[in-house]
Amino acid sequence: MSPTAPSLDVPTLAWTGERMIPNLADPATELFHWQRYLYFRPWYQGRRVVDAASGEGYGTDYAASFATAATGVDIGADAVAHARRRYDEPKFVLKDVCAFDYSEADLVVSFETIEHVPDPAAFLDALKACPGNIVISTPNRNTHSPGNRLEDKPFNQFHTIEWTPLEFADLIRQHFPDRQVRFLSQEGRWPGLIREGLDEDAMYTIAVIGDGELPKWPRLGIAVPTRHASLVRDCVLGYTKFYPGEIEFAVVANGCDEQNLAELRQFQSELPYIVHVLEEEKNLGYGRGANKALDFLWQQGWFDFFCVSNDDVFPAVDCLPQMIAAYDELVKMGHKPGILGPVTNEIAGNQRVEIGPYTNLPEMQERARVWHKSHHSGATQAEQIRGLFMMITPDCLSDVGGFDPRFGIGNFEDDDYNLRALFAGHSLWIVDGSFLHHMGSSTFRELGINYSMNIERNLALILEKWDVTEFEMLWRLPYEGQKLFMPFSAAAETSDAVIKINGEPVDLVNQASPMEFAAYVMNAIKGRPRKDREAIIEILNAA
């Protein structure tokens, strides 16, 4: 399916410095708002959702993907007109949020609204009509207007009043004495995670009115082998920005130069609770680099999923949340998913999709948004999940271990891993609505490696390992007790005959393809007496 994106032609709503506008607002504003909408993703499913003070409309549109109906309410005529032009699925109403009828809503979300309205009590009274859940967030006066009292004018010119977390909690309890009320706190540090309880130092306080289990987001450990600090920074910030749960990254500095190594160390110092840099003097290749990172994460012992990612990727908004939702549904259906992967623009195989043309990340996000509308509930069983990004369950990782190191810099180590996972009884799935932008082959280009020769060499290695003559035969092999587990610490068999071929170190005994070895022999005997050939012929005849 080739989606259209007419909203690319809709002029962007002006950013005032307060209202959140995707791709225009400052990074902090965008981060905090997306974290809230993403956190409550499970609550939109099958509900009639009202987004009170919907602004530009992006959050209402996101909720509409899962809701029975989604309505955005806003007093700004420009915002409502814009949202109606840009987003087809939700309904947008021009009305004061204090005068709207919420009686038909199953869920009302209102992020950064109550501090703007002239009469907060009137707003809360109107919300009482909602028979379902109500979610209200507001800035913490302690962090937004430090030193102010309740009656003081907030530092933010757009706010009429600000509360401390305890003051806000008292206000909510007074207006909803007969309803269950819980409170969440959104951290001020990147990536603005939401945690249960009242925190006087939080950046925002969130009131949850009504019953129901609060969303729980799994903890992810992501392994990233790299040589490029700038790529790692972008992909780490992208993953964390658009995932409402805890993530930690084990970044293997795979033979980086001093500048990239210094930048990675700096990045780790900025986000020490997220980024762990593991330094390697030499380039271990993708498989061994991923193994080193996975081993580090495994030793931490607390992740719900283990992931392996390229560094030259950037996620669409719902990429990781969609993968978690797909896993949960597959388990409910009785499957045993071991590895899940996204769809992408640049890959070989079934994970490649065409979402429409784009030239930058904002355009990618828009194309991915439209793609997501018709694909967010789909998952396709597969035989191959590419190493671009693999989300691996702890059970699968326990059964299969790490990547086979024989494949050097990379290529086919993911196919070998997929095969071992299948033999171990785990199913593989492509999550149809989970889009991940991929630049493609950046490491190979930077190292000057001949990609086609690398493919030919590693194809021969995987065929040799599994004793087949054609690649397609790998997926028809019977399981006959083959060794499936590969220790993270495993090293490839090596000889002393390692030379550089087209930019890549190659072991002539254990890695080189027949053509590469023949070329080496030909160059070695060039100019030597013909009688020297007798020794080579004698060895070949003996074999």
Protein backbone atom coordinates (compact mmCIF):
# COMPACT_ATOMS: atom_id res chain seq x y z
CA MET A 1 0.00 0.00 0.00
CA SER A 2 1.35 3.44 -0.90
CA PRO A 3 -0.13 5.98 1.54
CA THR A 4 -0.83 9.54 0.57
CA ALA A 5 -0.06 12.41 2.88
CA PRO A 6 -2.16 15.41 1.94
CA SER A 7 -1.30 17.04 5.24
CA LEU A 8 2.20 17.75 3.88
CA ASP A 9 0.48 20.55 1.96
CA VAL A 10 -1.15 22.06 5.06
CA PRO A 11 0.73 25.18 6.27
CA THR A 12 2.32 24.71 9.68
CA LEU A 13 0.60 26.43 12.58
CA ALA A 14 2.71 29.26 14.00
CA TRP A 15 4.61 28.45 17.17
CA THR A 16 4.05 31.03 19.90
CA GLY A 17 6.59 29.58 22.32
CA GLU A 18 3.85 27.89 24.38
CA ARG A 19 1.60 25.71 22.23
CA MET A 20 3.30 22.48 21.21
CA ILE A 21 3.86 22.29 17.42
CA PRO A 22 5.55 19.08 16.20
CA ASN A 23 8.98 19.72 14.65
CA LEU A 24 8.80 23.46 15.50
CA ALA A 25 8.54 23.60 19.30
CA ASP A 26 11.75 23.53 21.31
CA PRO A 27 13.01 19.99 22.07
CA ALA A 28 11.93 20.10 25.74
CA THR A 29 8.34 21.13 24.94
CA GLU A 30 8.07 18.45 22.28
CA LEU A 31 9.60 15.83 24.55
CA PHE A 32 7.32 16.41 27.54
CA HIS A 33 4.16 16.47 25.47
CA TRP A 34 4.94 13.36 23.43
CA GLN A 35 5.91 11.43 26.56
CA ARG A 36 2.46 12.10 28.05
CA TYR A 37 0.49 11.12 24.95
CA LEU A 38 2.61 8.00 24.48
CA TYR A 39 2.41 6.96 28.14
CA PHE A 40 -1.37 6.71 28.02
CA ARG A 41 -1.44 4.91 24.65
CA PRO A 42 -2.98 1.70 26.10
CA TRP A 43 -5.92 3.69 27.48
CA TYR A 44 -7.01 4.99 24.07
CA GLN A 45 -7.84 1.54 22.75
CA GLY A 46 -11.55 1.15 22.07
CA ARG A 47 -12.53 4.28 24.00
CA ARG A 48 -14.25 7.55 23.19
CA VAL A 49 -11.44 10.00 23.86
CA VAL A 50 -11.71 13.76 24.32
CA ASP A 51 -8.53 15.85 24.19
CA ALA A 52 -9.34 19.05 26.09
CA ALA A 53 -7.26 21.93 24.69
CA SER A 54 -6.07 19.92 21.68
CA GLY A 55 -4.00 22.73 20.17
CA GLU A 56 -2.33 21.76 16.89
CA GLY A 57 -4.15 18.41 16.99
CA TYR A 58 -1.24 15.97 16.82
CA GLY A 59 -2.10 14.26 20.13
CA THR A 60 -5.80 13.91 19.30
CA ASP A 61 -4.81 12.39 15.97
CA TYR A 62 -2.46 9.94 17.68
CA ALA A 63 -5.19 8.83 20.10
CA ALA A 64 -7.63 8.50 17.18
CA SER A 65 -5.53 5.66 15.75
CA PHE A 66 -6.66 3.42 18.60
CA ALA A 67 -9.84 5.01 19.93
CA THR A 68 -13.44 4.32 18.94
CA ALA A 69 -13.75 8.08 18.49
CA ALA A 70 -11.44 11.00 19.26
CA THR A 71 -12.48 14.62 19.67
CA GLY A 72 -10.22 17.61 20.12
CA VAL A 73 -11.65 20.67 21.87
CA ASP A 74 -9.92 24.05 21.73
CA ILE A 75 -10.82 27.71 22.08
CA GLY A 76 -8.32 28.81 19.45
CA ALA A 77 -10.02 29.27 16.09
CA ASP A 78 -6.68 29.12 14.25
CA ALA A 79 -5.74 25.86 15.97
CA VAL A 80 -9.08 24.19 15.27
CA ALA A 81 -9.10 25.30 11.62
CA HIS A 82 -5.55 24.00 11.20
CA ALA A 83 -6.30 20.67 12.90
CA ARG A 84 -9.36 20.10 10.73
CA ARG A 85 -7.29 20.64 7.59
CA ARG A 86 -4.35 18.54 8.71
CA TYR A 87 -5.95 15.54 10.44
CA ASP A 88 -8.78 13.59 8.81
CA GLU A 89 -9.63 11.04 11.47
CA PRO A 90 -10.46 12.99 14.67
CA LYS A 91 -13.25 15.51 15.15
CA PHE A 92 -12.23 19.02 16.24
CA VAL A 93 -14.62 21.36 18.08
CA LEU A 94 -14.20 25.09 18.60
CA LYS A 95 -15.32 25.58 22.20
CA ASP A 96 -14.20 26.66 25.64
CA VAL A 97 -13.05 23.56 27.53
CA CYS A 98 -14.93 24.84 30.59
CA ALA A 99 -18.23 24.70 28.68
CA PHE A 100 -17.86 21.43 26.77
CA ASP A 101 -20.08 18.43 27.56
CA TYR A 102 -17.81 15.52 28.56
CA SER A 103 -20.65 13.14 29.47
CA GLU A 104 -20.12 10.86 26.46
CA ALA A 105 -16.37 10.48 26.91
CA ASP A 106 -14.73 7.32 28.25
CA LEU A 107 -11.45 9.14 28.66
CA VAL A 108 -10.55 12.84 28.83
CA VAL A 109 -6.92 13.90 28.55
CA SER A 110 -5.95 17.50 29.22
CA PHE A 111 -2.25 18.23 29.08
CA GLU A 112 -1.02 21.69 30.10
CA THR A 113 -4.49 23.28 30.16
CA ILE A 114 -5.72 23.99 33.66
CA GLU A 115 -2.99 26.54 34.39
CA HIS A 116 -4.22 28.60 31.41
CA VAL A 117 -7.97 28.84 32.10
CA PRO A 118 -9.34 31.87 34.02
CA ASP A 119 -11.42 29.65 36.32
CA PRO A 120 -9.77 26.27 37.07
CA ALA A 121 -12.67 25.26 39.33
CA ALA A 122 -15.14 25.69 36.46
CA PHE A 123 -12.97 23.49 34.28
CA LEU A 124 -12.83 20.74 36.91
CA ASP A 125 -16.58 20.97 37.46
CA ALA A 126 -17.16 20.49 33.74
CA LEU A 127 -14.87 17.44 33.72
CA LYS A 128 -16.99 15.76 36.40
CA ALA A 129 -19.49 14.88 33.68
CA CYS A 130 -17.04 12.34 32.27
CA PRO A 131 -18.05 8.90 33.62
CA GLY A 132 -14.68 7.36 32.73
CA ASN A 133 -11.07 8.35 33.34
CA ILE A 134 -9.75 11.90 33.43
CA VAL A 135 -6.06 12.75 33.07
CA ILE A 136 -4.86 16.28 33.83
CA SER A 137 -1.26 17.51 33.78
CA THR A 138 0.08 20.85 34.99
CA PRO A 139 3.51 22.40 35.58
CA ASN A 140 5.03 22.31 39.03
CA ARG A 141 5.42 25.83 40.43
CA ASN A 142 8.55 24.74 42.28
CA THR A 143 10.35 24.18 38.99
CA HIS A 144 8.57 26.66 36.70
CA SER A 145 8.28 29.71 38.97
CA PRO A 146 10.63 29.00 41.89
CA GLY A 147 10.07 31.24 44.87
CA ASN A 148 6.53 32.16 43.87
CA ARG A 149 3.49 31.73 46.08
CA LEU A 150 0.14 30.42 44.88
CA GLU A 151 -1.27 33.93 44.49
CA ASP A 152 1.75 35.22 42.53
CA LYS A 153 1.72 35.69 38.76
CA PRO A 154 3.62 32.77 37.15
CA PHE A 155 6.85 33.47 35.29
CA ASN A 156 5.22 32.08 32.13
CA GLN A 157 3.15 34.88 30.59
CA PHE A 158 0.59 32.40 29.27
CA HIS A 159 -0.23 30.91 32.70
CA THR A 160 -2.83 32.28 35.08
CA ILE A 161 -1.90 30.11 38.07
CA GLU A 162 0.57 27.40 39.05
CA TRP A 163 0.49 24.87 41.88
CA THR A 164 3.04 22.81 43.74
CA PRO A 165 2.37 19.05 43.50
CA LEU A 166 0.81 18.95 46.96
CA GLU A 167 -1.39 21.97 46.27
CA PHE A 168 -2.53 20.46 42.99
CA ALA A 169 -3.27 17.14 44.69
CA ASP A 170 -5.44 18.92 47.28
CA LEU A 171 -7.30 20.78 44.52
CA ILE A 172 -8.09 17.58 42.61
CA ARG A 173 -9.17 15.66 45.71
CA GLN A 174 -11.50 18.49 46.73
CA HIS A 175 -13.27 18.39 43.35
CA PHE A 176 -13.40 14.59 43.06
CA PRO A 177 -14.03 13.37 46.64
CA ASP A 178 -15.97 10.30 45.50
CA ARG A 179 -13.59 9.16 42.75
CA GLN A 180 -10.34 7.24 42.89
CA VAL A 181 -7.50 9.71 42.38
CA ARG A 182 -3.84 8.89 41.72
CA PHE A 183 -0.90 11.10 40.92
CA LEU A 184 2.07 10.78 38.60
CA SER A 185 5.19 12.92 38.31
CA GLN A 186 7.06 13.73 35.12
CA GLU A 187 10.80 14.08 35.52
CA GLY A 188 12.60 17.22 34.40
CA ARG A 189 15.62 15.38 33.05
CA TRP A 190 15.72 13.77 29.62
CA PRO A 191 13.56 11.95 28.53
CA GLY A 192 10.85 13.24 30.87
CA LEU A 193 9.74 9.84 32.16
CA ILE A 194 6.47 9.57 34.06
CA ARG A 195 6.54 7.81 37.42
CA GLU A 196 3.90 7.05 40.01
CA GLY A 197 3.59 9.28 43.08
CA LEU A 198 3.99 12.94 43.96
CA ASP A 199 7.47 14.40 43.57
CA GLU A 200 7.99 17.97 44.79
CA ASP A 201 10.91 18.32 42.34
CA ALA A 202 9.07 16.98 39.28
CA MET A 203 8.71 19.14 36.19
CA TYR A 204 4.99 18.30 35.83
CA THR A 205 2.31 16.73 38.03
CA ILE A 206 -0.34 14.49 36.49
CA ALA A 207 -3.66 13.66 38.13
CA VAL A 208 -5.39 10.43 37.11
CA ILE A 209 -9.05 10.36 38.11
CA GLY A 210 -10.97 7.09 37.91
CA ASP A 211 -10.03 3.45 38.29
CA GLY A 212 -8.14 1.08 36.02
CA GLU A 213 -4.58 -0.19 36.01
CA LEU A 214 -2.02 2.44 35.11
CA PRO A 215 0.03 1.77 31.96
CA LYS A 216 3.21 -0.25 32.47
CA TRP A 217 6.00 0.15 29.93
CA PRO A 218 8.71 -2.52 29.72
CA ARG A 219 12.34 -1.67 30.34
CA LEU A 220 14.52 -1.93 27.24
CA GLY A 221 18.25 -2.54 26.98
CA ILE A 222 19.57 -1.61 23.54
CA ALA A 223 22.96 -2.67 22.16
CA VAL A 224 24.50 -0.32 19.58
CA PRO A 225 27.89 -1.03 17.96
CA THR A 226 29.22 2.18 16.41
CA ARG A 227 32.06 4.19 14.96
CA HIS A 228 30.04 7.42 14.64
CA ALA A 229 29.26 9.51 17.71
CA SER A 230 26.87 11.87 15.91
CA LEU A 231 24.76 8.99 14.61
CA VAL A 232 24.57 7.43 18.06
CA ARG A 233 23.50 10.70 19.64
CA ASP A 234 20.66 11.13 17.14
CA CYS A 235 19.38 7.56 17.39
CA VAL A 236 19.57 7.45 21.22
CA LEU A 237 17.72 10.76 21.55
CA GLY A 238 15.13 9.57 19.02
CA TYR A 239 14.47 6.25 20.74
CA THR A 240 14.18 7.82 24.20
CA LYS A 241 12.11 10.78 23.04
CA PHE A 242 9.44 8.52 21.59
CA TYR A 243 9.29 5.77 24.22
CA PRO A 244 7.55 6.30 27.59
CA GLY A 245 9.49 3.62 29.44
CA GLU A 246 13.05 3.23 30.71
CA ILE A 247 15.79 2.53 28.16
CA GLU A 248 19.50 2.05 28.65
CA PHE A 249 22.03 1.82 25.83
CA ALA A 250 25.25 -0.15 25.75
CA VAL A 251 27.21 1.64 23.04
CA VAL A 252 30.29 -0.22 21.83
CA ALA A 253 32.89 2.18 20.48
CA ASN A 254 34.10 -0.15 17.74
CA GLY A 255 37.61 1.08 16.99
CA CYS A 256 36.55 4.74 16.92
CA ASP A 257 39.01 7.52 16.19
CA GLU A 258 39.88 9.91 19.00
CA GLN A 259 37.36 12.56 18.01
CA ASN A 260 34.42 10.14 17.93
CA LEU A 261 35.60 8.50 21.13
CA ALA A 262 35.78 11.87 22.88
CA GLU A 263 32.27 12.74 21.67
CA LEU A 264 30.91 9.40 22.90
CA ARG A 265 32.50 9.94 26.31
CA GLN A 266 30.93 13.39 26.44
CA PHE A 267 27.53 11.97 25.53
CA GLN A 268 27.84 9.39 28.29
CA SER A 269 28.67 12.13 30.80
CA GLU A 270 25.51 14.02 29.76
CA LEU A 271 23.21 10.99 30.14
CA PRO A 272 25.05 8.56 32.47
CA TYR A 273 21.79 6.90 33.51
CA ILE A 274 21.00 6.09 29.86
CA VAL A 275 24.26 5.75 27.91
CA HIS A 276 27.09 3.33 28.74
CA VAL A 277 30.08 3.49 26.40
CA LEU A 278 32.16 0.32 26.09
CA GLU A 279 35.46 1.10 24.40
CA GLU A 280 37.19 -1.27 22.00
CA GLU A 281 40.53 -0.37 20.45
CA LYS A 282 39.81 -2.39 17.29
CA ASN A 283 36.66 -2.75 15.24
CA LEU A 284 35.03 -5.98 16.46
CA GLY A 285 32.48 -5.96 13.66
CA TYR A 286 28.73 -5.85 14.12
CA GLY A 287 28.23 -9.31 15.64
CA ARG A 288 31.01 -9.24 18.23
CA GLY A 289 30.29 -5.59 19.02
CA ALA A 290 26.63 -6.41 19.63
CA ASN A 291 27.66 -9.38 21.77
CA LYS A 292 29.83 -7.20 23.99
CA ALA A 293 26.93 -4.79 24.48
CA LEU A 294 24.38 -7.56 25.07
CA ASP A 295 26.67 -9.15 27.64
CA PHE A 296 26.89 -5.84 29.51
CA LEU A 297 23.11 -5.42 29.45
CA TRP A 298 22.51 -9.04 30.47
CA GLN A 299 24.73 -8.55 33.50
CA GLN A 300 22.50 -5.67 34.60
CA GLY A 301 19.74 -8.28 34.94
CA TRP A 302 16.65 -6.08 34.92
CA PHE A 303 15.55 -5.53 31.30
CA ASP A 304 12.25 -6.83 29.97
CA PHE A 305 13.55 -6.87 26.38
CA PHE A 306 17.01 -6.79 24.83
CA CYS A 307 17.45 -4.99 21.53
CA VAL A 308 20.19 -4.67 18.94
CA SER A 309 20.22 -1.58 16.76
CA ASN A 310 22.20 0.02 13.98
CA ASP A 311 23.46 3.50 14.78
CA ASP A 312 22.23 5.10 11.53
CA VAL A 313 18.52 4.92 12.34
CA PHE A 314 15.80 7.22 13.67
CA PRO A 315 12.36 6.06 14.88
CA ALA A 316 8.93 7.28 13.89
CA VAL A 317 6.83 8.44 16.86
CA ASP A 318 5.11 5.10 17.55
CA CYS A 319 7.98 2.80 16.54
CA LEU A 320 8.89 1.30 19.92
CA PRO A 321 5.45 1.59 21.59
CA GLN A 322 3.96 -0.23 18.59
CA MET A 323 6.46 -3.08 18.97
CA ILE A 324 5.57 -3.50 22.65
CA ALA A 325 1.84 -3.48 21.85
CA ALA A 326 2.37 -6.07 19.09
CA TYR A 327 4.31 -8.35 21.44
CA ASP A 328 1.55 -8.21 24.06
CA GLU A 329 -1.11 -9.07 21.47
CA LEU A 330 0.93 -11.94 20.00
CA VAL A 331 1.37 -13.46 23.46
CA LYS A 332 -2.39 -13.17 24.10
CA MET A 333 -2.99 -15.01 20.82
CA GLY A 334 -0.86 -17.93 21.98
CA HIS A 335 2.28 -17.25 19.97
CA LYS A 336 5.81 -17.41 21.31
CA PRO A 337 7.44 -14.32 19.80
CA GLY A 338 11.20 -14.32 20.26
CA ILE A 339 12.32 -11.55 17.91
CA LEU A 340 10.37 -8.57 16.58
CA GLY A 341 11.51 -6.05 13.99
CA PRO A 342 10.21 -2.81 12.45
CA VAL A 343 9.55 -1.87 8.87
CA THR A 344 11.92 0.55 7.19
CA ASN A 345 12.79 2.44 4.04
CA GLU A 346 16.21 0.92 3.39
CA ILE A 347 16.72 -2.83 3.80
CA ALA A 348 16.69 -6.03 1.80
CA GLY A 349 13.69 -8.29 2.28
CA ASN A 350 10.15 -8.09 3.60
CA GLN A 351 10.81 -5.34 6.14
CA ARG A 352 11.23 -2.77 3.40
CA VAL A 353 8.13 -0.64 2.76
CA GLU A 354 7.31 2.43 0.72
CA ILE A 355 5.68 5.09 2.89
CA GLY A 356 6.07 7.86 0.33
CA PRO A 357 8.91 10.26 -0.47
CA TYR A 358 10.59 12.38 2.17
CA THR A 359 13.79 14.39 2.36
CA ASN A 360 14.12 15.11 6.10
CA LEU A 361 13.01 13.76 9.46
CA PRO A 362 9.91 15.98 9.86
CA GLU A 363 8.66 14.78 6.48
CA MET A 364 9.52 11.21 7.49
CA GLN A 365 7.42 11.57 10.64
CA GLU A 366 4.47 12.81 8.59
CA ARG A 367 4.73 9.98 6.08
CA ALA A 368 5.11 7.47 8.91
CA ARG A 369 2.05 8.94 10.68
CA VAL A 370 -0.10 8.30 7.62
CA TRP A 371 1.38 4.82 7.14
CA HIS A 372 0.69 4.04 10.80
CA LYS A 373 -3.03 4.81 10.41
CA SER A 374 -3.63 1.74 8.27
CA HIS A 375 -0.95 -0.58 9.65
CA HIS A 376 -0.80 -0.09 13.43
CA SER A 377 -2.71 -3.27 14.24
CA GLY A 378 -0.71 -5.57 11.98
CA ALA A 379 2.15 -8.00 12.51
CA THR A 380 3.48 -10.41 9.92
CA GLN A 381 5.19 -13.66 10.83
CA ALA A 382 8.58 -13.91 9.19
CA GLU A 383 11.64 -16.08 8.84
CA GLN A 384 14.10 -13.20 8.87
CA ILE A 385 14.39 -10.10 11.06
CA ARG A 386 17.26 -7.89 9.97
CA GLY A 387 19.94 -6.72 12.40
CA LEU A 388 18.92 -3.14 11.65
CA PHE A 389 16.81 -3.47 14.83
CA MET A 390 15.91 -6.65 16.68
CA MET A 391 13.81 -6.71 19.85
CA ILE A 392 14.68 -9.99 21.57
CA THR A 393 12.88 -11.56 24.52
CA PRO A 394 14.95 -12.71 27.52
CA ASP A 395 13.84 -16.31 26.86
CA CYS A 396 15.08 -16.15 23.29
CA LEU A 397 18.35 -14.57 24.37
CA SER A 398 18.78 -17.32 26.97
CA ASP A 399 18.28 -20.02 24.33
CA VAL A 400 20.28 -18.45 21.50
CA GLY A 401 22.86 -16.22 23.17
CA GLY A 402 24.86 -13.90 20.95
CA PHE A 403 25.78 -13.56 17.31
CA ASP A 404 28.21 -15.90 15.60
CA PRO A 405 31.49 -13.94 15.32
CA ARG A 406 32.67 -15.68 12.14
CA PHE A 407 30.91 -13.08 9.98
CA GLY A 408 33.44 -10.35 10.73
CA ILE A 409 32.39 -6.77 10.04
CA GLY A 410 28.85 -7.88 9.29
CA ASN A 411 26.20 -9.42 6.99
CA PHE A 412 24.41 -12.74 7.51
CA GLU A 413 25.04 -12.80 11.26
CA ASP A 414 21.39 -11.78 11.66
CA ASP A 415 20.21 -14.59 9.35
CA ASP A 416 22.20 -17.10 11.38
CA TYR A 417 20.66 -15.68 14.57
CA ASN A 418 17.14 -15.90 13.14
CA LEU A 419 17.70 -19.53 12.18
CA ARG A 420 18.89 -20.48 15.63
CA ALA A 421 15.93 -18.68 17.23
CA LEU A 422 13.50 -20.57 14.98
CA PHE A 423 15.12 -23.89 15.81
CA ALA A 424 14.84 -22.98 19.52
CA GLY A 425 11.06 -22.67 19.11
CA HIS A 426 10.65 -18.90 18.93
CA SER A 427 8.62 -17.12 16.27
CA LEU A 428 9.76 -14.02 14.40
CA TRP A 429 7.51 -11.06 13.58
CA ILE A 430 7.60 -7.89 11.49
CA VAL A 431 5.54 -5.17 13.19
CA ASP A 432 3.79 -3.60 10.22
CA GLY A 433 3.11 -0.16 11.71
CA SER A 434 6.45 0.31 13.44
CA PHE A 435 8.55 2.47 11.11
CA LEU A 436 12.29 3.03 11.57
CA HIS A 437 14.18 5.32 9.21
CA HIS A 438 17.50 3.85 8.05
CA MET A 439 20.32 5.73 6.35
CA GLY A 440 21.93 2.51 5.11
CA SER A 441 25.49 1.06 4.99
CA SER A 442 27.18 4.08 6.59
CA THR A 443 29.90 1.98 8.25
CA PHE A 444 30.74 0.11 5.06
CA ARG A 445 31.07 3.39 3.16
CA GLU A 446 33.21 4.98 5.87
CA LEU A 447 35.58 1.99 5.96
CA GLY A 448 35.76 1.73 2.18
CA ILE A 449 34.57 -1.88 2.25
CA ASN A 450 33.40 -3.50 -0.98
CA TYR A 451 29.85 -4.42 0.02
CA SER A 452 29.23 -6.99 -2.72
CA MET A 453 32.46 -8.86 -1.94
CA ASN A 454 31.56 -8.89 1.74
CA ILE A 455 28.14 -10.35 0.88
CA GLU A 456 29.72 -13.04 -1.29
CA ARG A 457 32.23 -14.00 1.41
CA ASN A 458 29.73 -14.18 4.28
CA LEU A 459 27.15 -15.99 2.16
CA ALA A 460 29.72 -18.73 1.63
CA LEU A 461 30.37 -18.83 5.38
CA ILE A 462 26.71 -19.27 6.38
CA LEU A 463 26.16 -21.95 3.72
CA GLU A 464 29.24 -23.77 4.93
CA LYS A 465 28.18 -23.53 8.57
CA TRP A 466 24.76 -25.06 7.93
CA ASP A 467 25.99 -27.43 5.20
CA VAL A 468 23.71 -26.30 2.38
CA THR A 469 24.41 -25.12 -1.16
CA GLU A 470 21.70 -22.45 -1.58
CA PHE A 471 20.62 -19.67 0.79
CA GLU A 472 16.91 -20.52 0.48
CA MET A 473 17.65 -24.02 1.78
CA LEU A 474 18.53 -22.59 5.19
CA TRP A 475 14.85 -21.99 5.97
CA ARG A 476 13.88 -25.56 5.06
CA LEU A 477 16.45 -27.32 7.20
CA PRO A 478 15.20 -29.91 9.69
CA TYR A 479 16.34 -29.38 13.25
CA GLU A 480 18.76 -32.17 14.04
CA GLY A 481 20.21 -31.15 17.35
CA GLN A 482 22.48 -28.42 16.04
CA LYS A 483 24.25 -26.22 18.54
CA LEU A 484 22.06 -23.14 18.93
CA PHE A 485 23.58 -21.21 21.83
CA MET A 486 26.49 -18.86 21.14
CA PRO A 487 28.23 -17.35 24.19
CA PHE A 488 28.57 -13.58 24.15
CA SER A 489 32.31 -14.05 24.64
CA ALA A 490 32.72 -16.35 21.64
CA ALA A 491 35.56 -15.50 19.26
CA ALA A 492 35.91 -16.59 15.67
CA GLU A 493 38.53 -19.16 14.74
CA THR A 494 41.57 -17.28 13.53
CA SER A 495 44.85 -18.00 11.83
CA ASP A 496 47.98 -15.93 11.38
CA ALA A 497 47.03 -15.29 7.77
CA VAL A 498 44.93 -12.14 8.08
CA ILE A 499 45.17 -9.61 5.27
CA LYS A 500 43.16 -6.55 4.25
CA ILE A 501 40.87 -7.12 1.27
CA ASN A 502 38.94 -4.12 -0.07
CA GLY A 503 39.11 -2.28 3.23
CA GLU A 504 38.21 -5.25 5.47
CA PRO A 505 40.55 -7.53 7.49
CA VAL A 506 39.95 -11.08 6.26
CA ASP A 507 41.28 -14.36 7.64
CA LEU A 508 42.46 -16.28 4.57
CA VAL A 509 41.91 -19.62 6.30
CA ASN A 510 38.61 -19.11 8.11
CA GLN A 511 36.83 -16.30 6.24
CA ALA A 512 38.07 -15.71 2.70
CA SER A 513 35.85 -16.88 -0.13
CA PRO A 514 37.35 -19.35 -2.64
CA MET A 515 37.74 -16.53 -5.18
CA GLU A 516 39.49 -14.31 -2.64
CA PHE A 517 41.85 -17.10 -1.65
CA ALA A 518 42.55 -17.94 -5.28
CA ALA A 519 43.33 -14.27 -5.95
CA TYR A 520 45.70 -14.24 -2.97
CA VAL A 521 47.52 -17.35 -4.23
CA MET A 522 47.73 -15.91 -7.74
CA ASN A 523 49.31 -12.70 -6.46
CA ALA A 524 51.64 -14.65 -4.15
CA ILE A 525 53.11 -16.80 -6.92
CA LYS A 526 53.31 -13.99 -9.46
CA GLY A 527 56.92 -13.69 -10.60
CA ARG A 528 58.04 -16.83 -8.80
CA PRO A 529 59.71 -19.74 -10.70
CA ARG A 530 57.30 -22.23 -12.25
CA LYS A 531 58.82 -25.05 -10.25
CA ASP A 532 57.32 -23.48 -7.08
CA ARG A 533 53.93 -24.48 -8.41
CA GLU A 534 54.82 -28.13 -7.84
CA ALA A 535 54.49 -27.70 -4.07
CA ILE A 536 51.03 -26.17 -4.42
CA ILE A 537 49.90 -28.91 -6.80
CA GLU A 538 51.23 -31.56 -4.42
CA ILE A 539 49.17 -30.12 -1.55
CA LEU A 540 46.00 -29.92 -3.67
CA ASN A 541 46.41 -33.49 -4.96
CA ALA A 542 46.89 -34.76 -1.42
CA ALA A 543 43.57 -33.21 -0.45
